[in-house]
Protein backbone atom coordinates (compact mmCIF):
# COMPACT_ATOMS: atom_id res chain seq x y z
CA MET A 1 -2.65 114.03 113.66
CA ARG A 2 -0.32 117.29 114.48
CA ALA A 3 2.32 117.58 111.51
CA VAL A 4 5.93 116.64 112.25
CA SER A 5 8.12 119.64 111.15
CA ASN A 6 11.73 118.75 109.39
CA PRO A 7 13.79 121.42 110.45
CA GLU A 8 16.31 123.01 108.48
CA PRO A 9 19.77 122.29 107.80
CA GLY A 10 21.71 123.61 110.57
CA GLY A 11 18.71 125.73 111.82
CA GLU A 12 18.15 125.31 115.09
CA GLY A 13 16.75 121.71 115.64
CA SER A 14 18.69 119.86 113.47
CA ALA A 15 22.02 117.73 113.37
CA GLU A 16 24.41 120.38 113.01
CA ALA A 17 22.89 122.81 116.07
CA ARG A 18 22.35 119.70 118.64
CA LEU A 19 25.84 118.31 118.00
CA ALA A 20 28.51 121.20 117.25
CA GLY A 21 30.96 121.63 120.10
CA ARG A 22 30.91 117.93 121.26
CA ARG A 23 33.49 115.87 120.66
CA ALA A 24 33.83 112.31 119.86
CA VAL A 25 35.16 108.88 120.23
CA ILE A 26 34.62 106.27 117.76
CA VAL A 27 35.16 102.56 117.94
CA GLU A 28 33.99 100.69 114.78
CA ASP A 29 36.47 97.58 113.14
CA HIS A 30 35.81 98.27 109.70
CA ARG A 31 37.74 101.42 108.18
CA LEU A 32 35.69 102.72 105.28
CA PHE A 33 31.59 102.72 107.87
CA ALA A 34 34.64 104.72 110.34
CA ASP A 35 36.09 107.34 108.18
CA PHE A 36 32.47 107.29 106.67
CA MET A 37 31.58 108.56 110.78
CA ALA A 38 34.18 110.26 110.87
CA ALA A 39 33.41 112.78 108.77
CA CYS A 40 29.31 112.55 108.82
CA LEU A 41 30.72 113.96 112.48
CA LYS A 42 32.90 117.08 111.09
CA GLU A 43 30.93 118.12 108.62
CA TRP A 44 28.90 118.49 112.32
CA GLY A 45 30.90 120.39 114.46
CA VAL A 46 31.87 117.90 116.33
CA GLU A 47 35.43 117.27 117.25
CA VAL A 48 36.51 113.74 116.23
CA LEU A 49 39.21 112.93 119.25
CA LEU A 50 40.62 109.36 118.76
CA HIS A 51 39.93 106.55 115.79
CA THR A 52 40.50 102.81 117.23
CA ALA A 53 39.32 99.16 115.75
CA SER A 54 40.13 97.95 119.63
CA GLY A 55 37.40 98.00 122.06
CA ILE A 56 40.12 97.84 124.89
CA GLU A 57 41.41 101.12 122.99
CA GLY A 58 38.67 102.86 122.48
CA LEU A 59 38.19 102.42 126.59
CA LYS A 60 41.11 103.78 127.68
CA ALA A 61 40.50 107.03 125.25
CA VAL A 62 36.94 107.22 127.06
CA ARG A 63 38.14 106.86 130.44
CA GLU A 64 41.05 110.11 129.32
CA ARG A 65 39.47 112.08 127.04
CA GLN A 66 36.25 112.11 128.35
CA PRO A 67 34.14 112.81 124.72
CA ASP A 68 30.75 113.75 124.53
CA LEU A 69 29.49 110.41 122.11
């Protein structure tokens, strides 16, 4: 059985490396969770374009801004 390696933080296979430079729209009605997601994404180099609690607003933002995530 092959061992699974855990990538170093910020290394080539890390979340930071895979997500850096991407753009996201957060659609979440629970403010605390949305703030947590935004903080994590920003720490990983993702630009958070918008946070909205409304699905309709979220769809509109995705159409207009065309985020990666």
